[in-house]
């Protein structure tokens, strides 16, 4: 009987500690589309949600559904908006930025030097939740490339990548959209859309 009481007391204490920790972190919800407080924290690089809770694993890409929207073609601010949605029944976390190769080139795009800091932050993506990244496109000279395709993969904090997946860029009407670049870079995963102007 005493062993049971000790275990019950320990369980109650652990539950209380977890509840306090979650309350201090802004609630029990993981990052999602409707949590503006967490979005602000993620944008500032100060995200401390239940991402570190036991059992939450890193997203490896297999659980993600991707879409790529070509925004502002041939205009200033032209970019590919990458949306990753967690289709699994369990939460997972992302960090850093996706590994992206455009068209038939072989170069993995670098991280954007103009991006806000916070690439080491873990962002929890609950089931059905979304995170965003963007590929900024720059066409400077006659040595441009043109494609509507790209491949991308999740990247972890050590820069290792998970399985890559081929994607096609679409315009706002759902039509495949060709993009042109001589240089390009990628932003960190975020809970808000980059270049959302």
N, C-alpha and C. Protein backbone atom coordinates (compact mmCIF):
# COMPACT_ATOMS: atom_id res chain seq x y z
N UNK A 1 0.81 -1.19 0.00
CA UNK A 1 0.00 0.00 0.00
C UNK A 1 0.86 1.26 0.00
N UNK A 2 1.97 1.21 0.79
CA UNK A 2 2.85 2.36 0.86
C UNK A 2 3.50 2.64 -0.49
N UNK A 3 3.94 1.59 -1.20
CA UNK A 3 4.54 1.77 -2.52
C UNK A 3 3.56 2.46 -3.46
N UNK A 4 2.30 2.03 -3.43
CA UNK A 4 1.28 2.64 -4.28
C UNK A 4 1.12 4.11 -3.97
N UNK A 5 1.09 4.47 -2.68
CA UNK A 5 0.93 5.87 -2.29
C UNK A 5 2.12 6.72 -2.74
N UNK A 6 3.34 6.16 -2.62
CA UNK A 6 4.53 6.89 -3.04
C UNK A 6 4.48 7.13 -4.55
N UNK A 7 4.12 6.09 -5.28
CA UNK A 7 4.02 6.24 -6.74
C UNK A 7 2.94 7.24 -7.11
N UNK A 8 1.81 7.17 -6.43
CA UNK A 8 0.71 8.09 -6.71
C UNK A 8 1.13 9.52 -6.40
N UNK A 9 1.84 9.71 -5.29
CA UNK A 9 2.31 11.05 -4.93
C UNK A 9 3.33 11.56 -5.94
N UNK A 10 4.22 10.67 -6.35
CA UNK A 10 5.23 11.06 -7.35
C UNK A 10 4.57 11.43 -8.67
N UNK A 11 3.57 10.64 -9.07
CA UNK A 11 2.84 10.92 -10.31
C UNK A 11 2.12 12.26 -10.21
N UNK A 12 1.49 12.52 -9.06
CA UNK A 12 0.78 13.79 -8.87
C UNK A 12 1.75 14.96 -8.93
N UNK A 13 2.92 14.81 -8.31
CA UNK A 13 3.92 15.88 -8.33
C UNK A 13 4.43 16.12 -9.74
N UNK A 14 4.68 15.05 -10.48
CA UNK A 14 5.16 15.19 -11.86
C UNK A 14 4.11 15.86 -12.73
N UNK A 15 2.84 15.48 -12.54
CA UNK A 15 1.75 16.08 -13.31
C UNK A 15 1.64 17.56 -13.00
N UNK A 16 1.74 17.92 -11.71
CA UNK A 16 1.66 19.33 -11.32
C UNK A 16 2.81 20.12 -11.92
N UNK A 17 4.01 19.54 -11.89
CA UNK A 17 5.17 20.23 -12.46
C UNK A 17 5.01 20.44 -13.95
N UNK A 18 4.49 19.42 -14.65
CA UNK A 18 4.27 19.55 -16.09
C UNK A 18 3.23 20.61 -16.37
N UNK A 19 2.15 20.63 -15.60
CA UNK A 19 1.10 21.63 -15.80
C UNK A 19 1.65 23.04 -15.58
N UNK A 20 2.46 23.22 -14.54
CA UNK A 20 3.07 24.53 -14.30
C UNK A 20 3.99 24.92 -15.44
N UNK A 21 4.76 23.95 -15.91
CA UNK A 21 5.67 24.23 -17.02
C UNK A 21 4.92 24.63 -18.28
N UNK A 22 3.83 23.93 -18.56
CA UNK A 22 3.04 24.25 -19.75
C UNK A 22 2.36 25.60 -19.60
N UNK A 23 1.88 25.91 -18.39
CA UNK A 23 1.25 27.20 -18.15
C UNK A 23 2.26 28.32 -18.36
N UNK A 24 3.46 28.12 -17.85
CA UNK A 24 4.51 29.13 -18.02
C UNK A 24 4.88 29.31 -19.47
N UNK A 25 4.71 28.26 -20.27
CA UNK A 25 5.06 28.31 -21.69
C UNK A 25 3.89 28.76 -22.55
N UNK A 26 2.78 29.10 -21.95
CA UNK A 26 1.68 29.64 -22.74
C UNK A 26 0.58 28.64 -23.01
N UNK A 27 0.50 27.54 -22.28
CA UNK A 27 -0.60 26.61 -22.46
C UNK A 27 -0.12 25.28 -22.97
N UNK A 28 -1.07 24.36 -23.14
CA UNK A 28 -0.71 23.01 -23.52
C UNK A 28 -0.71 22.80 -25.03
N UNK A 29 -1.19 23.79 -25.78
CA UNK A 29 -1.24 23.62 -27.23
C UNK A 29 0.15 23.77 -27.83
N UNK A 30 0.44 22.95 -28.82
CA UNK A 30 1.67 23.10 -29.57
C UNK A 30 1.46 24.16 -30.62
N UNK A 31 2.53 24.50 -31.30
CA UNK A 31 2.45 25.53 -32.32
C UNK A 31 1.45 25.14 -33.39
N UNK A 32 0.61 26.09 -33.76
CA UNK A 32 -0.37 25.86 -34.81
C UNK A 32 -0.77 27.17 -35.41
N UNK A 33 -1.73 27.14 -36.32
CA UNK A 33 -2.11 28.33 -37.04
C UNK A 33 -2.83 29.36 -36.18
N UNK A 34 -3.44 28.93 -35.05
CA UNK A 34 -4.28 29.86 -34.30
C UNK A 34 -3.62 30.42 -33.06
N UNK A 35 -2.38 30.10 -32.76
CA UNK A 35 -1.75 30.54 -31.53
C UNK A 35 -0.83 31.71 -31.81
N UNK A 36 -1.39 32.94 -31.75
CA UNK A 36 -0.61 34.11 -32.10
C UNK A 36 0.50 34.39 -31.10
N UNK A 37 0.29 34.05 -29.82
CA UNK A 37 1.33 34.26 -28.83
C UNK A 37 2.55 33.41 -29.12
N UNK A 38 2.33 32.18 -29.50
CA UNK A 38 3.44 31.29 -29.82
C UNK A 38 4.09 31.73 -31.12
N UNK A 39 3.26 32.22 -32.07
CA UNK A 39 3.84 32.71 -33.33
C UNK A 39 4.82 33.84 -33.05
N UNK A 40 4.41 34.76 -32.18
CA UNK A 40 5.28 35.89 -31.85
C UNK A 40 6.56 35.41 -31.20
N UNK A 41 6.43 34.45 -30.29
CA UNK A 41 7.62 33.90 -29.63
C UNK A 41 8.53 33.22 -30.62
N UNK A 42 7.92 32.47 -31.57
CA UNK A 42 8.72 31.78 -32.57
C UNK A 42 9.44 32.78 -33.46
N UNK A 43 8.74 33.87 -33.83
CA UNK A 43 9.35 34.88 -34.68
C UNK A 43 10.51 35.56 -33.99
N UNK A 44 10.42 35.73 -32.68
CA UNK A 44 11.48 36.40 -31.95
C UNK A 44 12.61 35.47 -31.56
N UNK A 45 12.44 34.17 -31.85
CA UNK A 45 13.48 33.21 -31.50
C UNK A 45 13.42 32.77 -30.05
N UNK A 46 12.30 33.06 -29.35
CA UNK A 46 12.18 32.73 -27.93
C UNK A 46 11.12 31.68 -27.68
N UNK A 47 10.90 30.81 -28.65
CA UNK A 47 9.86 29.80 -28.52
C UNK A 47 10.25 28.75 -27.48
N UNK A 48 9.40 28.60 -26.45
CA UNK A 48 9.61 27.57 -25.43
C UNK A 48 8.27 26.92 -25.14
N UNK A 49 7.82 26.06 -26.02
CA UNK A 49 6.53 25.40 -25.84
C UNK A 49 6.75 23.97 -25.38
N UNK A 50 5.73 23.15 -25.53
CA UNK A 50 5.84 21.72 -25.16
C UNK A 50 6.70 20.95 -26.13
N UNK A 51 7.49 21.68 -26.98
CA UNK A 51 8.37 21.04 -27.96
C UNK A 51 9.36 20.10 -27.29
N UNK A 52 9.71 20.40 -26.07
CA UNK A 52 10.71 19.59 -25.38
C UNK A 52 10.07 18.52 -24.52
N UNK A 53 8.74 18.38 -24.59
CA UNK A 53 8.06 17.37 -23.79
C UNK A 53 8.49 15.98 -24.24
N UNK A 54 8.51 15.08 -23.30
CA UNK A 54 8.92 13.70 -23.61
C UNK A 54 8.00 13.12 -24.67
N UNK A 55 8.59 12.43 -25.62
CA UNK A 55 7.80 11.76 -26.64
C UNK A 55 7.66 12.54 -27.93
N UNK A 56 7.94 13.84 -27.93
CA UNK A 56 7.88 14.61 -29.17
C UNK A 56 9.19 14.42 -29.92
N UNK A 57 9.09 13.95 -31.15
CA UNK A 57 10.28 13.65 -31.93
C UNK A 57 10.47 14.68 -33.03
N UNK A 58 11.62 14.65 -33.64
CA UNK A 58 11.88 15.56 -34.75
C UNK A 58 11.14 15.07 -35.98
N UNK A 59 10.59 16.01 -36.75
CA UNK A 59 9.94 15.66 -38.02
C UNK A 59 11.03 15.21 -38.98
N UNK A 60 10.84 14.06 -39.61
CA UNK A 60 11.85 13.60 -40.57
C UNK A 60 11.42 13.83 -42.01
N UNK A 61 10.20 14.30 -42.21
CA UNK A 61 9.73 14.61 -43.55
C UNK A 61 8.68 13.63 -44.05
N UNK A 62 8.73 12.38 -43.57
CA UNK A 62 7.76 11.39 -44.02
C UNK A 62 6.34 11.74 -43.60
N UNK A 63 6.22 12.47 -42.48
CA UNK A 63 4.89 12.82 -41.97
C UNK A 63 4.38 14.14 -42.54
N UNK A 64 5.18 14.76 -43.40
CA UNK A 64 4.82 16.08 -43.92
C UNK A 64 4.23 16.03 -45.33
N UNK A 65 3.25 16.89 -45.53
CA UNK A 65 2.69 17.14 -46.85
C UNK A 65 3.13 18.54 -47.25
N UNK A 66 3.71 18.67 -48.43
CA UNK A 66 4.27 19.95 -48.85
C UNK A 66 3.46 20.58 -49.98
N UNK A 67 3.48 21.91 -50.01
CA UNK A 67 2.97 22.64 -51.17
C UNK A 67 3.92 23.81 -51.42
N UNK A 68 4.06 24.20 -52.69
CA UNK A 68 4.96 25.28 -53.08
C UNK A 68 4.18 26.28 -53.94
N UNK A 69 4.08 27.51 -53.44
CA UNK A 69 3.36 28.57 -54.14
C UNK A 69 4.35 29.59 -54.67
N UNK A 70 4.32 29.82 -55.99
CA UNK A 70 5.18 30.82 -56.63
C UNK A 70 4.51 32.18 -56.48
N UNK A 71 5.15 33.05 -55.71
CA UNK A 71 4.55 34.36 -55.42
C UNK A 71 5.34 35.49 -56.10
N UNK A 72 4.63 36.48 -56.57
CA UNK A 72 5.19 37.68 -57.20
C UNK A 72 6.13 37.39 -58.36
N UNK A 73 5.71 36.57 -59.35
CA UNK A 73 6.58 36.25 -60.48
C UNK A 73 7.09 37.51 -61.18
N UNK A 74 8.40 37.53 -61.44
CA UNK A 74 9.07 38.61 -62.16
C UNK A 74 8.90 39.97 -61.49
N UNK A 75 8.65 39.98 -60.20
CA UNK A 75 8.52 41.22 -59.45
C UNK A 75 9.52 41.22 -58.29
N UNK A 76 9.71 42.40 -57.70
CA UNK A 76 10.55 42.46 -56.52
C UNK A 76 9.88 41.65 -55.40
N UNK A 77 10.65 40.85 -54.72
CA UNK A 77 10.08 39.99 -53.67
C UNK A 77 9.64 38.64 -54.18
N UNK A 78 9.97 38.31 -55.43
CA UNK A 78 9.59 37.00 -55.98
C UNK A 78 10.16 35.88 -55.12
N UNK A 79 9.32 34.92 -54.80
CA UNK A 79 9.79 33.80 -53.97
C UNK A 79 8.88 32.59 -54.11
N UNK A 80 9.35 31.48 -53.61
CA UNK A 80 8.56 30.25 -53.53
C UNK A 80 8.20 30.05 -52.06
N UNK A 81 6.92 30.08 -51.76
CA UNK A 81 6.46 29.86 -50.39
C UNK A 81 6.27 28.36 -50.19
N UNK A 82 7.05 27.78 -49.27
CA UNK A 82 6.95 26.35 -48.96
C UNK A 82 6.10 26.18 -47.71
N UNK A 83 5.05 25.41 -47.81
CA UNK A 83 4.21 25.10 -46.66
C UNK A 83 4.34 23.61 -46.36
N UNK A 84 4.67 23.30 -45.12
CA UNK A 84 4.77 21.90 -44.68
C UNK A 84 3.68 21.66 -43.64
N UNK A 85 2.84 20.66 -43.87
CA UNK A 85 1.73 20.34 -42.97
C UNK A 85 1.95 18.96 -42.37
N UNK A 86 1.79 18.85 -41.06
CA UNK A 86 1.96 17.58 -40.37
C UNK A 86 0.72 16.72 -40.57
N UNK A 87 0.85 15.64 -41.33
CA UNK A 87 -0.28 14.76 -41.61
C UNK A 87 -0.32 13.56 -40.66
N UNK A 88 0.62 13.52 -39.72
CA UNK A 88 0.67 12.40 -38.77
C UNK A 88 -0.31 12.65 -37.62
N UNK A 89 -0.53 11.63 -36.82
CA UNK A 89 -1.42 11.75 -35.66
C UNK A 89 -0.67 12.22 -34.42
N UNK A 90 0.66 12.41 -34.55
CA UNK A 90 1.48 12.85 -33.42
C UNK A 90 2.23 14.12 -33.78
N UNK A 91 2.48 14.92 -32.75
CA UNK A 91 3.27 16.14 -32.95
C UNK A 91 4.73 15.78 -33.21
N UNK A 92 5.41 16.66 -33.93
CA UNK A 92 6.85 16.54 -34.12
C UNK A 92 7.40 17.95 -34.19
N UNK A 93 8.72 18.09 -34.15
CA UNK A 93 9.30 19.43 -34.21
C UNK A 93 10.26 19.57 -35.39
N UNK A 94 10.33 20.83 -35.86
CA UNK A 94 11.26 21.17 -36.94
C UNK A 94 12.25 22.21 -36.42
N UNK A 95 13.35 22.32 -37.09
CA UNK A 95 14.34 23.33 -36.76
C UNK A 95 15.09 23.70 -38.03
N UNK A 96 15.83 24.76 -37.98
CA UNK A 96 16.67 25.18 -39.08
C UNK A 96 15.83 25.56 -40.31
N UNK A 97 16.27 25.17 -41.47
CA UNK A 97 15.58 25.49 -42.72
C UNK A 97 15.63 24.27 -43.62
N UNK A 98 14.72 24.19 -44.60
CA UNK A 98 14.74 22.99 -45.46
C UNK A 98 15.95 22.97 -46.38
N UNK A 99 16.35 21.78 -46.75
CA UNK A 99 17.39 21.60 -47.75
C UNK A 99 16.69 21.62 -49.11
N UNK A 100 17.04 22.58 -49.96
CA UNK A 100 16.33 22.79 -51.22
C UNK A 100 17.30 22.78 -52.40
N UNK A 101 16.93 22.08 -53.46
CA UNK A 101 17.64 22.10 -54.74
C UNK A 101 16.62 22.47 -55.80
N UNK A 102 16.94 23.49 -56.60
CA UNK A 102 16.01 23.97 -57.62
C UNK A 102 16.30 23.33 -58.98
N UNK A 103 15.22 22.95 -59.67
CA UNK A 103 15.33 22.43 -61.03
C UNK A 103 16.27 21.25 -61.14
N UNK A 104 17.09 21.26 -62.23
CA UNK A 104 18.02 20.16 -62.45
C UNK A 104 19.44 20.50 -61.98
N UNK A 105 19.55 21.53 -61.15
CA UNK A 105 20.86 21.87 -60.60
C UNK A 105 21.20 20.89 -59.48
N UNK A 106 22.42 20.97 -58.98
CA UNK A 106 22.84 20.05 -57.92
C UNK A 106 23.24 20.79 -56.64
N UNK A 107 23.12 22.10 -56.65
CA UNK A 107 23.53 22.89 -55.50
C UNK A 107 22.40 23.02 -54.48
N UNK A 108 22.73 22.71 -53.21
CA UNK A 108 21.77 22.93 -52.13
C UNK A 108 21.82 24.41 -51.79
N UNK A 109 20.65 25.05 -51.73
CA UNK A 109 20.60 26.49 -51.50
C UNK A 109 21.07 26.84 -50.09
N UNK A 110 21.75 27.97 -49.96
CA UNK A 110 22.22 28.41 -48.64
C UNK A 110 21.10 29.08 -47.85
N UNK A 111 21.34 29.23 -46.55
CA UNK A 111 20.42 29.96 -45.69
C UNK A 111 20.51 31.45 -46.01
N UNK A 112 19.37 32.13 -45.99
CA UNK A 112 19.33 33.56 -46.29
C UNK A 112 20.05 34.36 -45.21
N UNK A 113 20.97 35.22 -45.63
CA UNK A 113 21.69 36.07 -44.68
C UNK A 113 20.79 37.17 -44.12
N UNK A 114 19.67 37.43 -44.80
CA UNK A 114 18.74 38.46 -44.34
C UNK A 114 17.66 37.90 -43.42
N UNK A 115 17.70 36.59 -43.19
CA UNK A 115 16.70 35.96 -42.34
C UNK A 115 16.92 36.32 -40.88
N UNK A 116 15.81 36.36 -40.14
CA UNK A 116 15.91 36.62 -38.70
C UNK A 116 16.59 35.46 -38.01
N UNK A 117 17.28 35.70 -36.89
CA UNK A 117 17.90 34.59 -36.17
C UNK A 117 16.85 33.67 -35.57
N UNK A 118 17.25 32.48 -35.19
CA UNK A 118 16.31 31.55 -34.57
C UNK A 118 16.31 30.20 -35.22
N UNK A 119 17.27 29.93 -36.08
CA UNK A 119 17.31 28.65 -36.78
C UNK A 119 17.54 27.45 -35.89
N UNK A 120 18.04 27.68 -34.68
CA UNK A 120 18.25 26.55 -33.77
C UNK A 120 17.03 26.29 -32.89
N UNK A 121 16.01 27.14 -33.01
CA UNK A 121 14.80 26.97 -32.22
C UNK A 121 14.00 25.77 -32.71
N UNK A 122 13.50 24.99 -31.78
CA UNK A 122 12.62 23.88 -32.14
C UNK A 122 11.18 24.39 -32.18
N UNK A 123 10.52 24.15 -33.29
CA UNK A 123 9.11 24.55 -33.44
C UNK A 123 8.27 23.28 -33.51
N UNK A 124 7.38 23.12 -32.56
CA UNK A 124 6.52 21.95 -32.53
C UNK A 124 5.38 22.13 -33.53
N UNK A 125 5.14 21.10 -34.32
CA UNK A 125 4.05 21.11 -35.31
C UNK A 125 3.07 20.02 -34.90
N UNK A 126 1.93 20.43 -34.39
CA UNK A 126 0.94 19.45 -33.96
C UNK A 126 0.25 18.84 -35.18
N UNK A 127 -0.49 17.76 -35.02
CA UNK A 127 -1.19 17.15 -36.15
C UNK A 127 -2.08 18.18 -36.86
N UNK A 128 -1.91 18.30 -38.15
CA UNK A 128 -2.67 19.28 -38.92
C UNK A 128 -2.03 20.66 -38.95
N UNK A 129 -1.03 20.89 -38.11
CA UNK A 129 -0.37 22.18 -38.04
C UNK A 129 0.56 22.41 -39.23
N UNK A 130 0.91 23.68 -39.45
CA UNK A 130 1.74 24.05 -40.60
C UNK A 130 2.92 24.90 -40.17
N UNK A 131 4.00 24.78 -40.92
CA UNK A 131 5.15 25.68 -40.81
C UNK A 131 5.51 26.13 -42.22
N UNK A 132 6.23 27.27 -42.30
CA UNK A 132 6.51 27.88 -43.58
C UNK A 132 8.00 28.21 -43.74
N UNK A 133 8.45 28.15 -44.97
CA UNK A 133 9.78 28.62 -45.34
C UNK A 133 9.62 29.27 -46.71
N UNK A 134 10.64 29.97 -47.16
CA UNK A 134 10.56 30.60 -48.48
C UNK A 134 11.91 30.53 -49.17
N UNK A 135 11.85 30.39 -50.48
CA UNK A 135 13.04 30.46 -51.34
C UNK A 135 12.98 31.80 -52.05
N UNK A 136 13.89 32.70 -51.70
CA UNK A 136 13.97 34.00 -52.39
C UNK A 136 14.70 33.80 -53.71
N UNK A 137 14.11 34.31 -54.78
CA UNK A 137 14.65 34.12 -56.13
C UNK A 137 15.23 35.44 -56.65
N UNK A 138 16.45 35.37 -57.22
CA UNK A 138 17.11 36.55 -57.77
C UNK A 138 17.61 36.21 -59.18
N UNK A 139 17.24 37.03 -60.16
CA UNK A 139 17.69 36.84 -61.54
C UNK A 139 18.56 38.04 -61.91
N UNK A 140 19.90 37.85 -61.86
CA UNK A 140 20.83 38.96 -62.04
C UNK A 140 21.41 39.07 -63.44
N UNK A 141 21.50 37.95 -64.16
CA UNK A 141 22.26 38.00 -65.42
C UNK A 141 21.69 37.02 -66.43
N UNK A 142 22.45 36.81 -67.51
CA UNK A 142 21.98 35.92 -68.58
C UNK A 142 22.18 34.45 -68.26
N UNK A 143 22.89 34.14 -67.18
CA UNK A 143 23.11 32.74 -66.79
C UNK A 143 22.01 32.25 -65.86
N UNK A 144 20.80 32.59 -66.22
CA UNK A 144 19.67 32.20 -65.39
C UNK A 144 19.24 30.77 -65.65
N UNK A 145 18.60 30.18 -64.68
CA UNK A 145 17.97 28.86 -64.80
C UNK A 145 16.46 29.06 -64.73
N UNK A 146 15.74 28.16 -65.38
CA UNK A 146 14.28 28.21 -65.33
C UNK A 146 13.74 26.82 -65.06
N UNK A 147 12.77 26.72 -64.17
CA UNK A 147 12.15 25.43 -63.84
C UNK A 147 10.84 25.68 -63.11
N UNK A 148 10.05 24.65 -62.99
CA UNK A 148 8.87 24.70 -62.11
C UNK A 148 9.00 23.66 -61.01
N UNK A 149 10.17 22.99 -60.98
CA UNK A 149 10.36 21.89 -60.04
C UNK A 149 11.48 22.15 -59.06
N UNK A 150 11.41 21.49 -57.92
CA UNK A 150 12.44 21.56 -56.89
C UNK A 150 12.37 20.31 -56.04
N UNK A 151 13.41 20.05 -55.29
CA UNK A 151 13.37 18.97 -54.31
C UNK A 151 13.69 19.57 -52.96
N UNK A 152 13.09 19.01 -51.91
CA UNK A 152 13.35 19.53 -50.58
C UNK A 152 13.36 18.41 -49.56
N UNK A 153 14.03 18.68 -48.45
CA UNK A 153 14.13 17.70 -47.36
C UNK A 153 14.25 18.46 -46.05
N UNK A 154 13.83 17.82 -44.97
CA UNK A 154 14.00 18.39 -43.64
C UNK A 154 15.48 18.35 -43.27
N UNK A 155 15.91 19.33 -42.52
CA UNK A 155 17.30 19.43 -42.06
C UNK A 155 17.26 19.50 -40.54
N UNK A 156 18.19 18.80 -39.89
CA UNK A 156 18.22 18.86 -38.43
C UNK A 156 19.28 19.85 -37.95
N UNK A 157 19.46 19.94 -36.64
CA UNK A 157 20.37 20.93 -36.08
C UNK A 157 21.84 20.68 -36.43
N UNK A 158 22.16 19.48 -36.92
CA UNK A 158 23.52 19.19 -37.33
C UNK A 158 23.69 19.29 -38.85
N UNK A 159 22.64 19.77 -39.53
CA UNK A 159 22.60 19.95 -40.98
C UNK A 159 22.44 18.65 -41.75
N UNK A 160 22.20 17.53 -41.06
CA UNK A 160 21.86 16.30 -41.76
C UNK A 160 20.45 16.42 -42.31
N UNK A 161 20.18 15.76 -43.43
CA UNK A 161 18.86 15.86 -44.03
C UNK A 161 18.15 14.52 -44.03
N UNK A 162 16.81 14.61 -44.01
CA UNK A 162 15.98 13.42 -44.12
C UNK A 162 15.73 13.10 -45.57
N UNK A 163 14.72 12.25 -45.85
CA UNK A 163 14.43 11.90 -47.24
C UNK A 163 13.95 13.10 -48.04
N UNK A 164 14.45 13.21 -49.28
CA UNK A 164 14.05 14.32 -50.15
C UNK A 164 12.78 13.96 -50.91
N UNK A 165 12.03 14.99 -51.26
CA UNK A 165 10.81 14.80 -52.03
C UNK A 165 10.77 15.81 -53.16
N UNK A 166 10.34 15.37 -54.34
CA UNK A 166 10.20 16.26 -55.48
C UNK A 166 8.90 17.03 -55.41
N UNK A 167 8.96 18.30 -55.73
CA UNK A 167 7.78 19.17 -55.68
C UNK A 167 7.70 20.02 -56.94
N UNK A 168 6.50 20.51 -57.21
CA UNK A 168 6.30 21.43 -58.32
C UNK A 168 5.71 22.72 -57.78
N UNK A 169 6.15 23.85 -58.31
CA UNK A 169 5.63 25.14 -57.90
C UNK A 169 4.35 25.46 -58.69
N UNK A 170 3.39 26.05 -58.00
CA UNK A 170 2.11 26.42 -58.61
C UNK A 170 1.86 27.90 -58.36
N UNK A 171 1.08 28.51 -59.27
CA UNK A 171 0.67 29.89 -59.04
C UNK A 171 -0.58 29.91 -58.15
N UNK A 172 -1.13 31.07 -57.91
CA UNK A 172 -2.29 31.20 -57.03
C UNK A 172 -3.54 30.53 -57.53
N UNK A 173 -3.57 30.16 -58.82
CA UNK A 173 -4.73 29.49 -59.40
C UNK A 173 -4.54 27.99 -59.50
N UNK A 174 -3.43 27.49 -58.99
CA UNK A 174 -3.17 26.05 -59.02
C UNK A 174 -2.56 25.55 -60.31
N UNK A 175 -2.04 26.46 -61.12
CA UNK A 175 -1.40 26.09 -62.39
C UNK A 175 0.12 26.00 -62.17
N UNK A 176 0.78 24.96 -62.71
CA UNK A 176 2.23 24.88 -62.58
C UNK A 176 2.88 26.18 -63.06
N UNK A 177 3.84 26.66 -62.29
CA UNK A 177 4.43 27.98 -62.55
C UNK A 177 5.94 27.88 -62.66
N UNK A 178 6.49 28.35 -63.78
CA UNK A 178 7.94 28.35 -63.96
C UNK A 178 8.55 29.57 -63.28
N UNK A 179 9.69 29.36 -62.64
CA UNK A 179 10.40 30.44 -61.98
C UNK A 179 11.82 30.50 -62.54
N UNK A 180 12.40 31.69 -62.51
CA UNK A 180 13.74 31.92 -63.06
C UNK A 180 14.64 32.47 -61.96
N UNK A 181 15.90 31.98 -61.95
CA UNK A 181 16.84 32.45 -60.93
C UNK A 181 18.28 32.30 -61.43
N UNK A 182 19.13 33.17 -60.95
CA UNK A 182 20.58 32.98 -61.08
C UNK A 182 21.17 32.79 -59.70
N UNK A 183 20.42 33.23 -58.68
CA UNK A 183 20.82 33.06 -57.29
C UNK A 183 19.55 32.89 -56.46
N UNK A 184 19.67 32.17 -55.34
CA UNK A 184 18.50 31.94 -54.48
C UNK A 184 18.99 31.54 -53.10
N UNK A 185 18.16 31.77 -52.09
CA UNK A 185 18.46 31.32 -50.74
C UNK A 185 17.17 30.97 -50.01
N UNK A 186 17.31 30.41 -48.81
CA UNK A 186 16.16 29.85 -48.09
C UNK A 186 16.06 30.43 -46.68
N UNK A 187 14.84 30.63 -46.21
CA UNK A 187 14.61 31.11 -44.85
C UNK A 187 14.35 29.95 -43.90
N UNK A 188 14.53 30.21 -42.60
CA UNK A 188 14.22 29.22 -41.57
C UNK A 188 12.74 28.87 -41.58
N UNK A 189 12.41 27.68 -41.06
CA UNK A 189 11.01 27.33 -40.82
C UNK A 189 10.44 28.33 -39.82
N UNK A 190 9.19 28.68 -40.01
CA UNK A 190 8.53 29.63 -39.14
C UNK A 190 7.04 29.31 -39.06
N UNK A 191 6.37 29.84 -38.05
CA UNK A 191 4.94 29.64 -37.92
C UNK A 191 4.14 30.69 -38.67
N UNK A 192 4.82 31.71 -39.19
CA UNK A 192 4.18 32.72 -40.03
C UNK A 192 4.82 32.70 -41.41
N UNK A 193 4.10 33.19 -42.40
CA UNK A 193 4.58 33.14 -43.77
C UNK A 193 5.65 34.22 -44.00
N UNK A 194 6.83 33.81 -44.48
CA UNK A 194 7.84 34.82 -44.83
C UNK A 194 7.37 35.64 -46.03
N UNK A 195 7.84 36.87 -46.10
CA UNK A 195 7.49 37.77 -47.21
C UNK A 195 5.98 37.88 -47.39
N UNK A 196 5.24 37.93 -46.31
CA UNK A 196 3.78 37.98 -46.40
C UNK A 196 3.31 39.43 -46.49
N UNK A 197 3.58 40.01 -47.68
CA UNK A 197 3.16 41.40 -47.88
C UNK A 197 2.33 41.51 -49.13
